[in-house]
């Protein structure tokens, strides 16, 4: 536990926290990060998810599961984002292997939903539940947390509106998801209320330029704001 004084308690870094500290320091110091943010209207998705889960009570899906599927589709349309930078080479992947940043005791875990583009949202939901349960008790295998072509970090469930995520090398991008909250918006020249979620994409400028990142976010917005295909049992 560490030394206890009258004013503070000293806590030694755990092996997991040391690894996280080393990797995040390396990423922050060596990767030229830049960020792109977009506000996404989520009302259609939330309504469709509510009906979907009511009809499928034994295989409910979370908003994050749907975001994973939407990212997988967007990565297939904009493969420049689906990359790793290895030495002097960009490795552009043909499948969406999406790492999900999860909080575990003493740090973070990044289990990977492999070939997410080939799975429907129900299959993704089941896989994420399994990965999360095993991550909590430290039972993930190394090949379930190493690699990945893209990452998602979602702090919306904690009430966070927006944040910048640090890229997990050698990946070239990570998507930070904030909470979906009612906001006043302008529609057809009139004020209205819509549920808005802010998504912030961190990118490695050595491998990905701004236009490519903007194009990816445009596809992601289109997917999430017109979500019918995301809930199809057939793979998009």
C-alpha atoms as a PDB file:
ATOM      1  CA  UNK A   1       0.000   0.000   0.000  1.00  0.00           C
ATOM      2  CA  UNK A   2       2.891   2.390   0.664  1.00  0.00           C
ATOM      3  CA  UNK A   3       3.867   4.843   3.356  1.00  0.00           C
ATOM      4  CA  UNK A   4       1.190   6.838   5.222  1.00  0.00           C
ATOM      5  CA  UNK A   5       2.012  10.309   6.603  1.00  0.00           C
ATOM      6  CA  UNK A   6      -0.136  12.929   8.293  1.00  0.00           C
ATOM      7  CA  UNK A   7      -0.845  14.683   4.990  1.00  0.00           C
ATOM      8  CA  UNK A   8      -0.817  12.052   2.254  1.00  0.00           C
ATOM      9  CA  UNK A   9      -0.523   8.366   1.459  1.00  0.00           C
ATOM     10  CA  UNK A  10       2.292   7.117  -0.796  1.00  0.00           C
ATOM     11  CA  UNK A  11       1.182   4.549  -3.373  1.00  0.00           C
ATOM     12  CA  UNK A  12       3.786   2.654  -5.372  1.00  0.00           C
ATOM     13  CA  UNK A  13       3.114   2.366  -9.084  1.00  0.00           C
ATOM     14  CA  UNK A  14       1.780  -1.062  -9.968  1.00  0.00           C
ATOM     15  CA  UNK A  15       3.370  -2.961 -12.875  1.00  0.00           C
ATOM     16  CA  UNK A  16       0.282  -2.136 -14.981  1.00  0.00           C
ATOM     17  CA  UNK A  17       0.460   1.564 -14.113  1.00  0.00           C
ATOM     18  CA  UNK A  18       4.197   1.620 -14.967  1.00  0.00           C
ATOM     19  CA  UNK A  19       3.456   0.170 -18.411  1.00  0.00           C
ATOM     20  CA  UNK A  20       0.664   2.693 -19.000  1.00  0.00           C
ATOM     21  CA  UNK A  21       2.928   5.554 -17.865  1.00  0.00           C
ATOM     22  CA  UNK A  22       5.754   4.474 -20.174  1.00  0.00           C
ATOM     23  CA  UNK A  23       3.534   3.976 -23.234  1.00  0.00           C
ATOM     24  CA  UNK A  24       1.592   7.209 -22.798  1.00  0.00           C
ATOM     25  CA  UNK A  25       4.785   9.204 -22.228  1.00  0.00           C
ATOM     26  CA  UNK A  26       6.278   7.715 -25.395  1.00  0.00           C
ATOM     27  CA  UNK A  27       3.110   8.442 -27.358  1.00  0.00           C
ATOM     28  CA  UNK A  28       2.822  12.029 -26.173  1.00  0.00           C
ATOM     29  CA  UNK A  29       6.488  12.788 -26.788  1.00  0.00           C
ATOM     30  CA  UNK A  30       6.945  11.091 -30.155  1.00  0.00           C
ATOM     31  CA  UNK A  31       3.574  11.353 -31.942  1.00  0.00           C
ATOM     32  CA  UNK A  32       2.528  14.724 -33.439  1.00  0.00           C
ATOM     33  CA  UNK A  33      -1.091  14.583 -32.270  1.00  0.00           C
ATOM     34  CA  UNK A  34      -3.839  16.737 -33.698  1.00  0.00           C
ATOM     35  CA  UNK A  35      -7.568  16.556 -33.058  1.00  0.00           C
ATOM     36  CA  UNK A  36     -10.804  16.912 -34.980  1.00  0.00           C
ATOM     37  CA  UNK A  37     -14.172  17.174 -33.220  1.00  0.00           C
ATOM     38  CA  UNK A  38     -17.729  16.799 -34.440  1.00  0.00           C
ATOM     39  CA  UNK A  39     -21.170  16.978 -32.815  1.00  0.00           C
ATOM     40  CA  UNK A  40     -23.475  14.085 -33.713  1.00  0.00           C
ATOM     41  CA  UNK A  41     -27.244  14.020 -33.290  1.00  0.00           C
ATOM     42  CA  UNK A  42     -28.113  10.773 -31.525  1.00  0.00           C
ATOM     43  CA  UNK A  43     -31.933  10.878 -31.240  1.00  0.00           C
ATOM     44  CA  UNK A  44     -32.627   8.518 -34.140  1.00  0.00           C
ATOM     45  CA  UNK A  45     -30.053   6.033 -32.865  1.00  0.00           C
ATOM     46  CA  UNK A  46     -31.329   6.165 -29.272  1.00  0.00           C
ATOM     47  CA  UNK A  47     -34.917   5.620 -30.379  1.00  0.00           C
ATOM     48  CA  UNK A  48     -33.996   2.728 -32.667  1.00  0.00           C
ATOM     49  CA  UNK A  49     -31.831   1.139 -29.965  1.00  0.00           C
ATOM     50  CA  UNK A  50     -34.716   1.352 -27.481  1.00  0.00           C
ATOM     51  CA  UNK A  51     -37.046  -0.514 -29.854  1.00  0.00           C
ATOM     52  CA  UNK A  52     -34.316  -2.989 -30.821  1.00  0.00           C
ATOM     53  CA  UNK A  53     -33.571  -3.882 -27.202  1.00  0.00           C
ATOM     54  CA  UNK A  54     -37.274  -4.188 -26.402  1.00  0.00           C
ATOM     55  CA  UNK A  55     -37.604  -6.758 -29.190  1.00  0.00           C
ATOM     56  CA  UNK A  56     -34.330  -8.502 -28.259  1.00  0.00           C
ATOM     57  CA  UNK A  57     -34.353  -8.585 -24.421  1.00  0.00           C
ATOM     58  CA  UNK A  58     -31.769 -11.372 -24.249  1.00  0.00           C
ATOM     59  CA  UNK A  59     -29.230  -9.664 -26.507  1.00  0.00           C
ATOM     60  CA  UNK A  60     -29.358  -5.973 -25.666  1.00  0.00           C
ATOM     61  CA  UNK A  61     -26.836  -3.631 -27.209  1.00  0.00           C
ATOM     62  CA  UNK A  62     -25.265  -0.500 -25.723  1.00  0.00           C
ATOM     63  CA  UNK A  63     -24.671   2.798 -27.477  1.00  0.00           C
ATOM     64  CA  UNK A  64     -20.965   1.965 -27.399  1.00  0.00           C
ATOM     65  CA  UNK A  65     -21.612  -1.313 -29.244  1.00  0.00           C
ATOM     66  CA  UNK A  66     -23.336   0.653 -32.001  1.00  0.00           C
ATOM     67  CA  UNK A  67     -20.481   3.166 -32.133  1.00  0.00           C
ATOM     68  CA  UNK A  68     -18.029   0.277 -32.583  1.00  0.00           C
ATOM     69  CA  UNK A  69     -20.037  -0.995 -35.538  1.00  0.00           C
ATOM     70  CA  UNK A  70     -20.297   2.490 -37.049  1.00  0.00           C
ATOM     71  CA  UNK A  71     -16.525   2.986 -36.691  1.00  0.00           C
ATOM     72  CA  UNK A  72     -15.883  -0.385 -38.335  1.00  0.00           C
ATOM     73  CA  UNK A  73     -18.012   0.625 -41.321  1.00  0.00           C
ATOM     74  CA  UNK A  74     -16.328   4.029 -41.522  1.00  0.00           C
ATOM     75  CA  UNK A  75     -12.865   2.448 -41.370  1.00  0.00           C
ATOM     76  CA  UNK A  76     -13.730   0.269 -44.340  1.00  0.00           C
ATOM     77  CA  UNK A  77     -14.835   3.334 -46.314  1.00  0.00           C
ATOM     78  CA  UNK A  78     -11.850   5.434 -45.214  1.00  0.00           C
ATOM     79  CA  UNK A  79      -8.992   2.931 -44.826  1.00  0.00           C
ATOM     80  CA  UNK A  80      -6.327   5.618 -44.335  1.00  0.00           C
ATOM     81  CA  UNK A  81      -7.510   5.836 -40.718  1.00  0.00           C
ATOM     82  CA  UNK A  82      -7.285   2.051 -40.255  1.00  0.00           C
ATOM     83  CA  UNK A  83      -3.501   2.084 -39.996  1.00  0.00           C
ATOM     84  CA  UNK A  84      -0.399   1.522 -37.940  1.00  0.00           C
ATOM     85  CA  UNK A  85       2.876   3.407 -38.401  1.00  0.00           C
ATOM     86  CA  UNK A  86       5.767   0.950 -38.174  1.00  0.00           C
ATOM     87  CA  UNK A  87       9.183   2.481 -38.763  1.00  0.00           C
ATOM     88  CA  UNK A  88       9.090   4.150 -42.168  1.00  0.00           C
ATOM     89  CA  UNK A  89       6.025   2.207 -43.312  1.00  0.00           C
ATOM     90  CA  UNK A  90       2.292   2.728 -42.974  1.00  0.00           C
ATOM     91  CA  UNK A  91       0.495  -0.585 -42.541  1.00  0.00           C
ATOM     92  CA  UNK A  92      -3.059  -0.103 -43.794  1.00  0.00           C
ATOM     93  CA  UNK A  93      -5.287  -2.922 -42.572  1.00  0.00           C
ATOM     94  CA  UNK A  94      -8.032  -4.686 -44.511  1.00  0.00           C
ATOM     95  CA  UNK A  95     -10.069  -5.497 -41.381  1.00  0.00           C
ATOM     96  CA  UNK A  96     -11.272  -3.270 -38.548  1.00  0.00           C
ATOM     97  CA  UNK A  97      -9.584  -4.566 -35.382  1.00  0.00           C
ATOM     98  CA  UNK A  98     -10.939  -2.064 -32.869  1.00  0.00           C
ATOM     99  CA  UNK A  99      -9.404  -1.737 -29.403  1.00  0.00           C
ATOM    100  CA  UNK A 100     -11.860  -0.695 -26.687  1.00  0.00           C
ATOM    101  CA  UNK A 101     -10.308   1.256 -23.815  1.00  0.00           C
ATOM    102  CA  UNK A 102     -11.718  -0.148 -20.554  1.00  0.00           C
ATOM    103  CA  UNK A 103     -11.115   0.854 -16.943  1.00  0.00           C
ATOM    104  CA  UNK A 104      -9.861  -1.978 -14.745  1.00  0.00           C
ATOM    105  CA  UNK A 105      -8.538  -1.998 -11.217  1.00  0.00           C
ATOM    106  CA  UNK A 106      -5.260  -0.102 -11.172  1.00  0.00           C
ATOM    107  CA  UNK A 107      -5.345   1.106 -14.761  1.00  0.00           C
ATOM    108  CA  UNK A 108      -6.668   0.427 -18.235  1.00  0.00           C
ATOM    109  CA  UNK A 109      -7.129  -2.514 -20.580  1.00  0.00           C
ATOM    110  CA  UNK A 110      -7.555  -2.414 -24.355  1.00  0.00           C
ATOM    111  CA  UNK A 111      -9.255  -5.623 -25.534  1.00  0.00           C
ATOM    112  CA  UNK A 112      -9.716  -5.819 -29.275  1.00  0.00           C
ATOM    113  CA  UNK A 113     -12.872  -6.604 -31.231  1.00  0.00           C
ATOM    114  CA  UNK A 114     -11.273  -8.207 -34.257  1.00  0.00           C
ATOM    115  CA  UNK A 115     -12.868  -8.040 -37.705  1.00  0.00           C
ATOM    116  CA  UNK A 116     -15.622  -5.777 -36.319  1.00  0.00           C
ATOM    117  CA  UNK A 117     -16.599  -4.946 -39.900  1.00  0.00           C
ATOM    118  CA  UNK A 118     -17.620  -8.584 -40.407  1.00  0.00           C
ATOM    119  CA  UNK A 119     -19.864  -8.695 -37.299  1.00  0.00           C
ATOM    120  CA  UNK A 120     -23.326  -7.311 -36.662  1.00  0.00           C
ATOM    121  CA  UNK A 121     -24.065  -5.161 -33.639  1.00  0.00           C
ATOM    122  CA  UNK A 122     -25.457  -8.101 -31.630  1.00  0.00           C
ATOM    123  CA  UNK A 123     -22.288 -10.119 -32.162  1.00  0.00           C
ATOM    124  CA  UNK A 124     -20.196  -7.109 -31.177  1.00  0.00           C
ATOM    125  CA  UNK A 125     -22.287  -6.612 -28.019  1.00  0.00           C
ATOM    126  CA  UNK A 126     -21.786 -10.218 -26.923  1.00  0.00           C
ATOM    127  CA  UNK A 127     -18.062 -10.082 -27.616  1.00  0.00           C
ATOM    128  CA  UNK A 128     -17.588  -6.795 -25.734  1.00  0.00           C
ATOM    129  CA  UNK A 129     -19.449  -8.166 -22.706  1.00  0.00           C
ATOM    130  CA  UNK A 130     -17.185 -11.231 -22.694  1.00  0.00           C
ATOM    131  CA  UNK A 131     -14.015  -9.178 -23.106  1.00  0.00           C
ATOM    132  CA  UNK A 132     -15.060  -6.737 -20.381  1.00  0.00           C
ATOM    133  CA  UNK A 133     -15.873  -9.484 -17.881  1.00  0.00           C
ATOM    134  CA  UNK A 134     -12.524 -11.172 -18.430  1.00  0.00           C
ATOM    135  CA  UNK A 135     -10.616  -7.859 -18.437  1.00  0.00           C
ATOM    136  CA  UNK A 136     -12.009  -7.105 -14.987  1.00  0.00           C
ATOM    137  CA  UNK A 137     -10.450 -10.255 -13.531  1.00  0.00           C
ATOM    138  CA  UNK A 138      -7.251 -10.156 -15.595  1.00  0.00           C
ATOM    139  CA  UNK A 139      -8.050 -13.174 -17.759  1.00  0.00           C
ATOM    140  CA  UNK A 140      -7.454 -11.714 -21.208  1.00  0.00           C
ATOM    141  CA  UNK A 141      -4.818 -13.339 -23.394  1.00  0.00           C
ATOM    142  CA  UNK A 142      -1.987 -11.287 -24.860  1.00  0.00           C
ATOM    143  CA  UNK A 143      -3.309 -11.670 -28.396  1.00  0.00           C
ATOM    144  CA  UNK A 144      -6.639 -10.190 -27.225  1.00  0.00           C
ATOM    145  CA  UNK A 145      -5.043  -6.902 -26.148  1.00  0.00           C
ATOM    146  CA  UNK A 146      -2.084  -6.476 -28.507  1.00  0.00           C
ATOM    147  CA  UNK A 147      -2.293  -4.965 -31.967  1.00  0.00           C
ATOM    148  CA  UNK A 148      -5.453  -3.368 -33.214  1.00  0.00           C
ATOM    149  CA  UNK A 149      -5.865  -0.915 -36.074  1.00  0.00           C
ATOM    150  CA  UNK A 150      -7.961   1.738 -34.259  1.00  0.00           C
ATOM    151  CA  UNK A 151      -9.114   2.571 -30.722  1.00  0.00           C
ATOM    152  CA  UNK A 152     -12.246   3.933 -29.040  1.00  0.00           C
ATOM    153  CA  UNK A 153     -12.315   5.522 -25.588  1.00  0.00           C
ATOM    154  CA  UNK A 154     -15.792   6.318 -24.251  1.00  0.00           C
ATOM    155  CA  UNK A 155     -16.206   8.419 -21.099  1.00  0.00           C
ATOM    156  CA  UNK A 156     -19.764   9.441 -21.851  1.00  0.00           C
ATOM    157  CA  UNK A 157     -21.131   7.196 -19.112  1.00  0.00           C
ATOM    158  CA  UNK A 158     -19.185   9.320 -16.608  1.00  0.00           C
ATOM    159  CA  UNK A 159     -20.845  12.530 -17.753  1.00  0.00           C
ATOM    160  CA  UNK A 160     -17.773  13.825 -19.604  1.00  0.00           C
ATOM    161  CA  UNK A 161     -18.758  16.117 -22.470  1.00  0.00           C
ATOM    162  CA  UNK A 162     -15.490  16.100 -24.412  1.00  0.00           C
ATOM    163  CA  UNK A 163     -11.882  14.971 -24.024  1.00  0.00           C
ATOM    164  CA  UNK A 164      -8.740  14.330 -26.039  1.00  0.00           C
ATOM    165  CA  UNK A 165      -7.438  10.758 -26.051  1.00  0.00           C
ATOM    166  CA  UNK A 166      -3.768   9.828 -26.497  1.00  0.00           C
ATOM    167  CA  UNK A 167      -3.000   7.556 -29.438  1.00  0.00           C
ATOM    168  CA  UNK A 168      -1.904   4.024 -28.584  1.00  0.00           C
ATOM    169  CA  UNK A 169       1.116   3.362 -30.857  1.00  0.00           C
ATOM    170  CA  UNK A 170       1.676   1.960 -33.389  1.00  0.00           C
ATOM    171  CA  UNK A 171      -1.956   2.803 -34.145  1.00  0.00           C
ATOM    172  CA  UNK A 172      -2.499   6.148 -35.859  1.00  0.00           C
ATOM    173  CA  UNK A 173      -5.891   7.193 -34.471  1.00  0.00           C
ATOM    174  CA  UNK A 174      -8.184   7.017 -31.443  1.00  0.00           C
ATOM    175  CA  UNK A 175     -11.772   8.229 -31.071  1.00  0.00           C
ATOM    176  CA  UNK A 176     -12.837   9.891 -27.806  1.00  0.00           C
ATOM    177  CA  UNK A 177     -16.582   9.737 -27.094  1.00  0.00           C
ATOM    178  CA  UNK A 178     -18.364  12.134 -24.740  1.00  0.00           C
ATOM    179  CA  UNK A 179     -21.823  11.967 -23.236  1.00  0.00           C
ATOM    180  CA  UNK A 180     -25.005  12.406 -25.275  1.00  0.00           C
ATOM    181  CA  UNK A 181     -26.986  15.311 -23.803  1.00  0.00           C
ATOM    182  CA  UNK A 182     -29.987  17.437 -24.834  1.00  0.00           C
ATOM    183  CA  UNK A 183     -28.900  20.712 -26.410  1.00  0.00           C
ATOM    184  CA  UNK A 184     -30.544  23.597 -28.206  1.00  0.00           C
ATOM    185  CA  UNK A 185     -29.886  23.429 -31.947  1.00  0.00           C
ATOM    186  CA  UNK A 186     -31.112  25.265 -35.029  1.00  0.00           C
ATOM    187  CA  UNK A 187     -33.193  23.209 -37.463  1.00  0.00           C
ATOM    188  CA  UNK A 188     -34.767  24.750 -40.531  1.00  0.00           C
ATOM    189  CA  UNK A 189     -34.152  28.176 -39.080  1.00  0.00           C
ATOM    190  CA  UNK A 190     -35.896  27.409 -35.785  1.00  0.00           C
ATOM    191  CA  UNK A 191     -34.695  26.466 -32.332  1.00  0.00           C
ATOM    192  CA  UNK A 192     -35.141  22.819 -31.361  1.00  0.00           C
ATOM    193  CA  UNK A 193     -33.861  20.315 -28.804  1.00  0.00           C
ATOM    194  CA  UNK A 194     -31.620  17.464 -29.940  1.00  0.00           C
ATOM    195  CA  UNK A 195     -29.478  14.899 -28.134  1.00  0.00           C
ATOM    196  CA  UNK A 196     -25.901  15.730 -29.092  1.00  0.00           C
ATOM    197  CA  UNK A 197     -22.773  13.630 -28.614  1.00  0.00           C
ATOM    198  CA  UNK A 198     -19.317  15.075 -29.240  1.00  0.00           C
ATOM    199  CA  UNK A 199     -16.723  12.793 -30.814  1.00  0.00           C
ATOM    200  CA  UNK A 200     -13.064  13.836 -30.933  1.00  0.00           C
ATOM    201  CA  UNK A 201     -10.639  12.042 -33.219  1.00  0.00           C
ATOM    202  CA  UNK A 202      -6.934  12.154 -32.308  1.00  0.00           C
ATOM    203  CA  UNK A 203      -4.660  11.500 -35.283  1.00  0.00           C
ATOM    204  CA  UNK A 204      -0.961  10.957 -35.964  1.00  0.00           C
ATOM    205  CA  UNK A 205       0.019  13.696 -38.404  1.00  0.00           C
ATOM    206  CA  UNK A 206       3.000  11.656 -39.619  1.00  0.00           C
ATOM    207  CA  UNK A 207       0.617   9.208 -41.269  1.00  0.00           C
ATOM    208  CA  UNK A 208      -2.802  10.875 -41.608  1.00  0.00           C
ATOM    209  CA  UNK A 209      -3.652  14.352 -42.857  1.00  0.00           C
ATOM    210  CA  UNK A 210      -6.617  16.457 -41.788  1.00  0.00           C
ATOM    211  CA  UNK A 211      -8.752  15.851 -44.861  1.00  0.00           C
ATOM    212  CA  UNK A 212      -8.664  12.080 -44.318  1.00  0.00           C
ATOM    213  CA  UNK A 213      -9.674  12.513 -40.683  1.00  0.00           C
ATOM    214  CA  UNK A 214     -12.504  14.860 -41.637  1.00  0.00           C
ATOM    215  CA  UNK A 215     -13.772  12.395 -44.244  1.00  0.00           C
ATOM    216  CA  UNK A 216     -13.784   9.606 -41.658  1.00  0.00           C
ATOM    217  CA  UNK A 217     -15.804  11.715 -39.207  1.00  0.00           C
ATOM    218  CA  UNK A 218     -18.270  12.609 -41.966  1.00  0.00           C
ATOM    219  CA  UNK A 219     -18.903   8.921 -42.654  1.00  0.00           C
ATOM    220  CA  UNK A 220     -19.175   8.210 -38.924  1.00  0.00           C
ATOM    221  CA  UNK A 221     -21.776  10.983 -38.530  1.00  0.00           C
ATOM    222  CA  UNK A 222     -23.754   9.652 -41.468  1.00  0.00           C
ATOM    223  CA  UNK A 223     -23.732   6.157 -39.975  1.00  0.00           C
ATOM    224  CA  UNK A 224     -24.816   7.247 -36.485  1.00  0.00           C
ATOM    225  CA  UNK A 225     -27.447   9.752 -37.647  1.00  0.00           C
ATOM    226  CA  UNK A 226     -28.991   7.238 -40.068  1.00  0.00           C
ATOM    227  CA  UNK A 227     -28.582   4.100 -37.938  1.00  0.00           C
ATOM    228  CA  UNK A 228     -30.930   1.592 -39.575  1.00  0.00           C
ATOM    229  CA  UNK A 229     -28.107  -0.320 -41.269  1.00  0.00           C
ATOM    230  CA  UNK A 230     -26.208  -0.547 -37.982  1.00  0.00           C
ATOM    231  CA  UNK A 231     -28.970  -2.616 -36.383  1.00  0.00           C
ATOM    232  CA  UNK A 232     -29.307  -5.010 -39.296  1.00  0.00           C
ATOM    233  CA  UNK A 233     -28.622  -8.643 -38.476  1.00  0.00           C
ATOM    234  CA  UNK A 234     -26.765  -8.837 -41.748  1.00  0.00           C
ATOM    235  CA  UNK A 235     -23.235  -7.444 -41.859  1.00  0.00           C
ATOM    236  CA  UNK A 236     -22.900  -4.084 -43.587  1.00  0.00           C
END
